[in-house]
Structure formats: C-alpha cells, structure tokens
Amino acid sequence: MSVARLMQTVMAETHLLPLANVTVFTEPLTNHEETEVIAFLAERPLHTVCMAGLIRDNGLESPLNRGRFYACRNSEGRLEGVALIGHATLIEARTTRAMKEFATIAQASVGTHMILGGEEQVELFWDLYADQGQEMRRSSRELLFELKKAIELTDPIENLRPATLEDLELILPVHAELAFSESGINPLETDPEGFRDRCARRIVKRRVWVVVCDQRLVFKADIQADTPDVIYLEGIYAEPTERGKGLAGRCLSQLAQNLLRRTNSICVLVNEERTGVHSFYRLANFKCREYFLSIFLHC
C-alpha cells in the first residue's frame, strides 16, 4: 500500500487529522499533567488502556513504566498526542504531525522491544519510523476482543483466587513461555531478575488470578491494566491436561463477573492465527472489535 493511501486509510478509520504544517512542540510529560493526560486517553479507552493503566499505577514519571511518556501539543497548548516510548512503545496520536513527532523521538531511543497499537496507526508509525529506527524482528496481527457482559455461572469455581508470592515459582515459567510464544524471547533467559521482580510486583498488587491444584498451576490470568473504563487481561493460561473440559471458560467468566463490578468492559488481544483461541473467547461472550498490530524489534 502506498504511503498516501495508507495515510488516507488511517485518517478515515482512526480519526487521525491531516492538519496544516503548523508548529507543534513535543516534550516529556511530568506528573503534574496526569489529570489532563488521563482525560485525553479516556476519549478512546479501549485503545489506550495500556497507557492509562501504567499512568494510574505508576504516574507519568517512573522507571516502572520502562520508558518515558511524551506529549505533542499545538501552538495553543492542546494535546494532539500522547506516547510511551521505551521497552514497549505505545502511541495515541490524533494528528499526522503528532505521529511524525513521536516517530522521530522513537528513532533516537534504544532498547525498544515492541511497538503495539491499532493496526492502521502502527502501520503509519512504522512507515515514518523504519528508515532510521531499529530493525523489525517479527510482527503479529492481533484481534482485539472486548467483553461487556459475562456469562452467568451456576457452579462457581471455589478455588479461583488472587495469587500469592507462594505461587511465584509456578507462575514464572508459564508466564515466560507465553511471552516467548508471542515475542520469540524468553524473559527468564534475557532478564531473569527483572522478570521475577515484575511478576512478584503484579502478584502483590493482586493482579494475578490462579487455580492451583496439587501444586499444579491449572489456570492463570493477569490484569495488565486496570482502569474504570477498561481492564486489559493478558497471560491467560490453562494447563494442557485441562483444556477442552470447560474449566478455563468457567474461570474466565467468573473472573470477568468479578471485574465487571468495577469497570465497563474487559479486553484481550489474541494472535489472528490462533483460531481455536478465538472460539474460546467468543464462547465466553467476547466480541471482536478490530485488529491490532505488534512489531517486535532487534534491540
């Protein structure tokens, strides 16, 4: 697809505005701008849940974000885009000039592992970034599924619970394997101490839900981002011997019922090639909303 055609598609489908060549300025965000940024991201909560979740957890200025948040503003000081540029690069740009600004900053960044976002926006970002940025290692097209009403259960799973640090050794290899299947990199090999710390921190925050039977991890689901509008789940796992028996679906529905008491919807991303997993989420009443794109880079 030509650059001109791609930009037309992005602007039509994501409301990215082709504004005139007016001066904009882009700079790192500070914690005192958090309220403004959260309100900006809340205009498209399903697309910005990961950024909003990090900000709510850590603030705009924190090493826990594994990157730096930037704002692109017009001459009147109004936000045209917000981006996290770092280990994971996430973009919410409302104008093409904001997208160009973020691509330029990202080109000067090192150590980016992944770029993730709506398919059209990421394709445009990549076109602006690729010539002077890190090289692509692999890419995946993802389906964004959303759940607004969970299936009612008549027989709840009594041992579905938040994980504790005693479960950490069961969780680590499973979560690492899930990460490897998507990115091709095993974090237990490349960053064992950091990976362990991040998993432990998530457990302490009661963001990991498990079913453990006879010292076996039977089911797991992680809350990656938690906002009043959307909760984003990742790392959903069922032990191979339990698959196809309905346990994972019941666990997911029970967890969703719990979470939907304090948020408007729940979302997950699923690789488009995993068609069997698509059926699993559809049976749990998730609806496919659109396509996302993840690009993994050579560091």
Foldseek 3Di string as FASTA:
>chain_A
DDLVVLVVVCCVPVVAAADDPADKDKDFDDQVCLVVVLVVCVVPCLFCQLVNQCCVVANQDDCVLQFTKMFIAGPVRDTQWIWTAGQETEIDGNYPVVLLVVLVVNLPDPNHFKYKGAPSSVVSSCVNNVVRHFAFPDKFKKWKWKFQAWDDDPDADPQWFQDAPVCLVQLQVLLQVQVCVVRVDRCCVVPVVVSSVVVNVQSVVSQKIFHADPNHTAWIKGFSGADQAETEIDSTDGPPVCPPVCPSLSSVRVVQVVRSVRHRMYIYIGGPVPVVVVVSVVVRVIDTDHMMMMTGGDD
